[in-house]
């Protein structure tokens, strides 16, 4: 059986089909993480968005 740490609180959690909150230990920890995403506390690195009007059409 695989055991992981809850991303929110660090508690050890069994990774099984019966654990409906995996990788979190509880619904509370899952909601805390969702709230952090909603408040933009987490970011995914990437370049600035490209405006399609700034990109020349192919073949020019």
PDB file of N, CA and C in Angstrom:
ATOM      1  N   UNK A   1       0.841  -1.179   0.000  1.00  0.00           N
ATOM      2  CA  UNK A   1       0.000   0.000   0.000  1.00  0.00           C
ATOM      3  C   UNK A   1       0.891   1.249   0.000  1.00  0.00           C
ATOM      4  N   UNK A   2       0.478   2.252  -0.775  1.00  0.00           N
ATOM      5  CA  UNK A   2       1.227   3.495  -0.875  1.00  0.00           C
ATOM      6  C   UNK A   2       0.737   4.479   0.184  1.00  0.00           C
ATOM      7  N   UNK A   3       1.678   5.145   0.835  1.00  0.00           N
ATOM      8  CA  UNK A   3       1.365   6.164   1.831  1.00  0.00           C
ATOM      9  C   UNK A   3       2.001   7.476   1.368  1.00  0.00           C
ATOM     10  N   UNK A   4       1.202   8.544   1.360  1.00  0.00           N
ATOM     11  CA  UNK A   4       1.679   9.867   0.952  1.00  0.00           C
ATOM     12  C   UNK A   4       1.404  10.856   2.071  1.00  0.00           C
ATOM     13  N   UNK A   5       2.028  12.013   1.989  1.00  0.00           N
ATOM     14  CA  UNK A   5       1.777  13.084   2.954  1.00  0.00           C
ATOM     15  C   UNK A   5       0.706  14.015   2.404  1.00  0.00           C
ATOM     16  N   UNK A   6      -0.252  14.399   3.237  1.00  0.00           N
ATOM     17  CA  UNK A   6      -1.286  15.359   2.847  1.00  0.00           C
ATOM     18  C   UNK A   6      -0.583  16.654   2.452  1.00  0.00           C
ATOM     19  N   UNK A   7      -0.874  17.208   1.270  1.00  0.00           N
ATOM     20  CA  UNK A   7      -0.213  18.430   0.835  1.00  0.00           C
ATOM     21  C   UNK A   7      -0.512  19.642   1.729  1.00  0.00           C
ATOM     22  N   UNK A   8      -1.598  19.593   2.473  1.00  0.00           N
ATOM     23  CA  UNK A   8      -1.986  20.728   3.304  1.00  0.00           C
ATOM     24  C   UNK A   8      -1.388  20.662   4.699  1.00  0.00           C
ATOM     25  N   UNK A   9      -1.554  19.514   5.371  1.00  0.00           N
ATOM     26  CA  UNK A   9      -1.132  19.442   6.777  1.00  0.00           C
ATOM     27  C   UNK A   9       0.052  18.509   7.021  1.00  0.00           C
ATOM     28  N   UNK A  10       0.385  17.662   6.038  1.00  0.00           N
ATOM     29  CA  UNK A  10       1.529  16.771   6.170  1.00  0.00           C
ATOM     30  C   UNK A  10       1.223  15.429   6.812  1.00  0.00           C
ATOM     31  N   UNK A  11      -0.026  15.203   7.233  1.00  0.00           N
ATOM     32  CA  UNK A  11      -0.410  13.934   7.843  1.00  0.00           C
ATOM     33  C   UNK A  11      -0.241  12.803   6.827  1.00  0.00           C
ATOM     34  N   UNK A  12       0.186  11.633   7.281  1.00  0.00           N
ATOM     35  CA  UNK A  12       0.358  10.476   6.404  1.00  0.00           C
ATOM     36  C   UNK A  12      -1.016   9.938   6.001  1.00  0.00           C
ATOM     37  N   UNK A  13      -1.192   9.667   4.707  1.00  0.00           N
ATOM     38  CA  UNK A  13      -2.472   9.238   4.150  1.00  0.00           C
ATOM     39  C   UNK A  13      -2.256   8.004   3.286  1.00  0.00           C
ATOM     40  N   UNK A  14      -3.108   7.000   3.449  1.00  0.00           N
ATOM     41  CA  UNK A  14      -3.050   5.813   2.592  1.00  0.00           C
ATOM     42  C   UNK A  14      -3.681   6.159   1.246  1.00  0.00           C
ATOM     43  N   UNK A  15      -2.990   5.821   0.161  1.00  0.00           N
ATOM     44  CA  UNK A  15      -3.483   6.074  -1.188  1.00  0.00           C
ATOM     45  C   UNK A  15      -4.280   4.843  -1.619  1.00  0.00           C
ATOM     46  N   UNK A  16      -5.575   4.850  -1.281  1.00  0.00           N
ATOM     47  CA  UNK A  16      -6.451   3.733  -1.618  1.00  0.00           C
ATOM     48  C   UNK A  16      -7.732   4.271  -2.238  1.00  0.00           C
ATOM     49  N   UNK A  17      -8.460   3.399  -2.922  1.00  0.00           N
ATOM     50  CA  UNK A  17      -9.727   3.796  -3.538  1.00  0.00           C
ATOM     51  C   UNK A  17     -10.749   4.221  -2.489  1.00  0.00           C
ATOM     52  N   UNK A  18     -10.641   3.696  -1.275  1.00  0.00           N
ATOM     53  CA  UNK A  18     -11.580   4.033  -0.211  1.00  0.00           C
ATOM     54  C   UNK A  18     -11.383   5.466   0.301  1.00  0.00           C
ATOM     55  N   UNK A  19     -10.196   6.028   0.115  1.00  0.00           N
ATOM     56  CA  UNK A  19      -9.915   7.387   0.567  1.00  0.00           C
ATOM     57  C   UNK A  19     -10.349   8.362  -0.523  1.00  0.00           C
ATOM     58  N   UNK A  20     -11.565   8.874  -0.402  1.00  0.00           N
ATOM     59  CA  UNK A  20     -12.110   9.733  -1.462  1.00  0.00           C
ATOM     60  C   UNK A  20     -11.485  11.116  -1.510  1.00  0.00           C
ATOM     61  N   UNK A  21     -10.677  11.479  -0.510  1.00  0.00           N
ATOM     62  CA  UNK A  21     -10.052  12.804  -0.493  1.00  0.00           C
ATOM     63  C   UNK A  21      -8.593  12.772  -0.931  1.00  0.00           C
ATOM     64  N   UNK A  22      -8.071  11.610  -1.313  1.00  0.00           N
ATOM     65  CA  UNK A  22      -6.653  11.497  -1.636  1.00  0.00           C
ATOM     66  C   UNK A  22      -6.247  12.516  -2.679  1.00  0.00           C
ATOM     67  N   UNK A  23      -5.142  13.159  -2.609  1.00  0.00           N
ATOM     68  CA  UNK A  23      -4.038  12.920  -1.691  1.00  0.00           C
ATOM     69  C   UNK A  23      -4.202  13.624  -0.345  1.00  0.00           C
ATOM     70  N   UNK A  24      -5.345  14.239  -0.110  1.00  0.00           N
ATOM     71  CA  UNK A  24      -5.574  14.950   1.148  1.00  0.00           C
ATOM     72  C   UNK A  24      -6.070  13.975   2.206  1.00  0.00           C
ATOM     73  N   UNK A  25      -5.924  14.356   3.486  1.00  0.00           N
ATOM     74  CA  UNK A  25      -6.357  13.486   4.574  1.00  0.00           C
ATOM     75  C   UNK A  25      -7.834  13.671   4.891  1.00  0.00           C
ATOM     76  N   UNK A  26      -8.418  14.808   4.493  1.00  0.00           N
ATOM     77  CA  UNK A  26      -9.811  15.086   4.832  1.00  0.00           C
ATOM     78  C   UNK A  26     -10.387  16.095   3.850  1.00  0.00           C
ATOM     79  N   UNK A  27     -11.703  16.253   3.915  1.00  0.00           N
ATOM     80  CA  UNK A  27     -12.358  17.250   3.077  1.00  0.00           C
ATOM     81  C   UNK A  27     -11.891  18.652   3.462  1.00  0.00           C
ATOM     82  N   UNK A  28     -11.642  18.865   4.746  1.00  0.00           N
ATOM     83  CA  UNK A  28     -11.174  20.174   5.219  1.00  0.00           C
ATOM     84  C   UNK A  28      -9.865  20.570   4.535  1.00  0.00           C
ATOM     85  N   UNK A  29      -8.895  19.656   4.520  1.00  0.00           N
ATOM     86  CA  UNK A  29      -7.609  19.950   3.874  1.00  0.00           C
ATOM     87  C   UNK A  29      -7.782  20.164   2.371  1.00  0.00           C
ATOM     88  N   UNK A  30      -8.682  19.415   1.766  1.00  0.00           N
ATOM     89  CA  UNK A  30      -8.954  19.574   0.343  1.00  0.00           C
ATOM     90  C   UNK A  30      -9.526  20.967   0.065  1.00  0.00           C
ATOM     91  N   UNK A  31     -10.449  21.437   0.902  1.00  0.00           N
ATOM     92  CA  UNK A  31     -11.061  22.747   0.732  1.00  0.00           C
ATOM     93  C   UNK A  31     -10.063  23.873   0.985  1.00  0.00           C
ATOM     94  N   UNK A  32      -9.170  23.673   1.955  1.00  0.00           N
ATOM     95  CA  UNK A  32      -8.125  24.676   2.213  1.00  0.00           C
ATOM     96  C   UNK A  32      -7.256  24.852   0.972  1.00  0.00           C
ATOM     97  N   UNK A  33      -6.880  23.748   0.343  1.00  0.00           N
ATOM     98  CA  UNK A  33      -6.059  23.802  -0.866  1.00  0.00           C
ATOM     99  C   UNK A  33      -6.816  24.476  -2.010  1.00  0.00           C
ATOM    100  N   UNK A  34      -8.089  24.139  -2.180  1.00  0.00           N
ATOM    101  CA  UNK A  34      -8.898  24.758  -3.224  1.00  0.00           C
ATOM    102  C   UNK A  34      -8.987  26.261  -3.003  1.00  0.00           C
ATOM    103  N   UNK A  35      -9.173  26.677  -1.755  1.00  0.00           N
ATOM    104  CA  UNK A  35      -9.230  28.099  -1.430  1.00  0.00           C
ATOM    105  C   UNK A  35      -7.932  28.814  -1.753  1.00  0.00           C
ATOM    106  N   UNK A  36      -6.812  28.144  -1.524  1.00  0.00           N
ATOM    107  CA  UNK A  36      -5.512  28.750  -1.844  1.00  0.00           C
ATOM    108  C   UNK A  36      -5.383  28.978  -3.349  1.00  0.00           C
ATOM    109  N   UNK A  37      -5.851  28.034  -4.163  1.00  0.00           N
ATOM    110  CA  UNK A  37      -5.833  28.226  -5.620  1.00  0.00           C
ATOM    111  C   UNK A  37      -6.745  29.387  -6.006  1.00  0.00           C
ATOM    112  N   UNK A  38      -7.933  29.457  -5.382  1.00  0.00           N
ATOM    113  CA  UNK A  38      -8.890  30.516  -5.704  1.00  0.00           C
ATOM    114  C   UNK A  38      -8.339  31.894  -5.342  1.00  0.00           C
ATOM    115  N   UNK A  39      -7.549  31.966  -4.286  1.00  0.00           N
ATOM    116  CA  UNK A  39      -6.945  33.237  -3.878  1.00  0.00           C
ATOM    117  C   UNK A  39      -5.635  33.520  -4.611  1.00  0.00           C
ATOM    118  N   UNK A  40      -5.302  32.661  -5.572  1.00  0.00           N
ATOM    119  CA  UNK A  40      -4.097  32.794  -6.398  1.00  0.00           C
ATOM    120  C   UNK A  40      -2.821  32.771  -5.564  1.00  0.00           C
ATOM    121  N   UNK A  41      -2.813  31.952  -4.501  1.00  0.00           N
ATOM    122  CA  UNK A  41      -1.602  31.782  -3.707  1.00  0.00           C
ATOM    123  C   UNK A  41      -0.613  30.866  -4.412  1.00  0.00           C
ATOM    124  N   UNK A  42      -1.106  30.030  -5.324  1.00  0.00           N
ATOM    125  CA  UNK A  42      -0.258  29.148  -6.122  1.00  0.00           C
ATOM    126  C   UNK A  42      -0.235  29.689  -7.542  1.00  0.00           C
ATOM    127  N   UNK A  43       0.893  29.527  -8.198  1.00  0.00           N
ATOM    128  CA  UNK A  43       0.995  29.918  -9.602  1.00  0.00           C
ATOM    129  C   UNK A  43       1.720  28.835 -10.383  1.00  0.00           C
ATOM    130  N   UNK A  44       1.449  28.791 -11.644  1.00  0.00           N
ATOM    131  CA  UNK A  44       2.138  27.879 -12.551  1.00  0.00           C
ATOM    132  C   UNK A  44       2.996  28.750 -13.452  1.00  0.00           C
ATOM    133  N   UNK A  45       4.326  28.535 -13.458  1.00  0.00           N
ATOM    134  CA  UNK A  45       5.192  29.399 -14.252  1.00  0.00           C
ATOM    135  C   UNK A  45       4.910  29.281 -15.749  1.00  0.00           C
ATOM    136  N   UNK A  46       5.067  30.376 -16.433  1.00  0.00           N
ATOM    137  CA  UNK A  46       4.876  30.388 -17.873  1.00  0.00           C
ATOM    138  C   UNK A  46       5.125  31.787 -18.400  1.00  0.00           C
ATOM    139  N   UNK A  47       5.208  31.891 -19.682  1.00  0.00           N
ATOM    140  CA  UNK A  47       5.422  33.186 -20.304  1.00  0.00           C
ATOM    141  C   UNK A  47       4.129  33.984 -20.370  1.00  0.00           C
ATOM    142  N   UNK A  48       4.235  35.239 -20.732  1.00  0.00           N
ATOM    143  CA  UNK A  48       3.036  36.067 -20.854  1.00  0.00           C
ATOM    144  C   UNK A  48       2.152  35.535 -21.987  1.00  0.00           C
ATOM    145  N   UNK A  49       0.850  35.728 -21.881  1.00  0.00           N
ATOM    146  CA  UNK A  49      -0.038  35.261 -22.953  1.00  0.00           C
ATOM    147  C   UNK A  49       0.245  35.999 -24.253  1.00  0.00           C
ATOM    148  N   UNK A  50       0.048  35.328 -25.345  1.00  0.00           N
ATOM    149  CA  UNK A  50       0.271  35.906 -26.663  1.00  0.00           C
ATOM    150  C   UNK A  50      -1.066  36.331 -27.237  1.00  0.00           C
ATOM    151  N   UNK A  51      -1.134  37.568 -27.708  1.00  0.00           N
ATOM    152  CA  UNK A  51      -2.335  38.052 -28.353  1.00  0.00           C
ATOM    153  C   UNK A  51      -2.335  37.536 -29.792  1.00  0.00           C
ATOM    154  N   UNK A  52      -3.351  36.798 -30.210  1.00  0.00           N
ATOM    155  CA  UNK A  52      -3.363  36.241 -31.571  1.00  0.00           C
ATOM    156  C   UNK A  52      -3.218  37.292 -32.664  1.00  0.00           C
ATOM    157  N   UNK A  53      -3.600  38.530 -32.402  1.00  0.00           N
ATOM    158  CA  UNK A  53      -3.468  39.586 -33.412  1.00  0.00           C
ATOM    159  C   UNK A  53      -2.007  39.991 -33.609  1.00  0.00           C
ATOM    160  N   UNK A  54      -1.133  39.711 -32.629  1.00  0.00           N
ATOM    161  CA  UNK A  54       0.278  40.073 -32.736  1.00  0.00           C
ATOM    162  C   UNK A  54       1.099  39.033 -33.499  1.00  0.00           C
ATOM    163  N   UNK A  55       0.547  37.859 -33.719  1.00  0.00           N
ATOM    164  CA  UNK A  55       1.277  36.782 -34.382  1.00  0.00           C
ATOM    165  C   UNK A  55       0.976  36.849 -35.887  1.00  0.00           C
ATOM    166  N   UNK A  56       2.032  36.937 -36.718  1.00  0.00           N
ATOM    167  CA  UNK A  56       1.785  36.984 -38.163  1.00  0.00           C
ATOM    168  C   UNK A  56       1.253  35.637 -38.652  1.00  0.00           C
ATOM    169  N   UNK A  57       0.372  35.653 -39.656  1.00  0.00           N
ATOM    170  CA  UNK A  57      -0.154  34.396 -40.204  1.00  0.00           C
ATOM    171  C   UNK A  57       0.971  33.542 -40.799  1.00  0.00           C
ATOM    172  N   UNK A  58       0.809  32.235 -40.798  1.00  0.00           N
ATOM    173  CA  UNK A  58       1.818  31.336 -41.371  1.00  0.00           C
ATOM    174  C   UNK A  58       1.974  31.612 -42.851  1.00  0.00           C
ATOM    175  N   UNK A  59       3.199  31.437 -43.324  1.00  0.00           N
ATOM    176  CA  UNK A  59       3.479  31.586 -44.742  1.00  0.00           C
ATOM    177  C   UNK A  59       3.880  33.004 -45.131  1.00  0.00           C
ATOM    178  N   UNK A  60       4.064  33.878 -44.184  1.00  0.00           N
ATOM    179  CA  UNK A  60       4.488  35.239 -44.546  1.00  0.00           C
ATOM    180  C   UNK A  60       5.892  35.480 -44.119  1.00  0.00           C
TER     181      UNK A  60
END
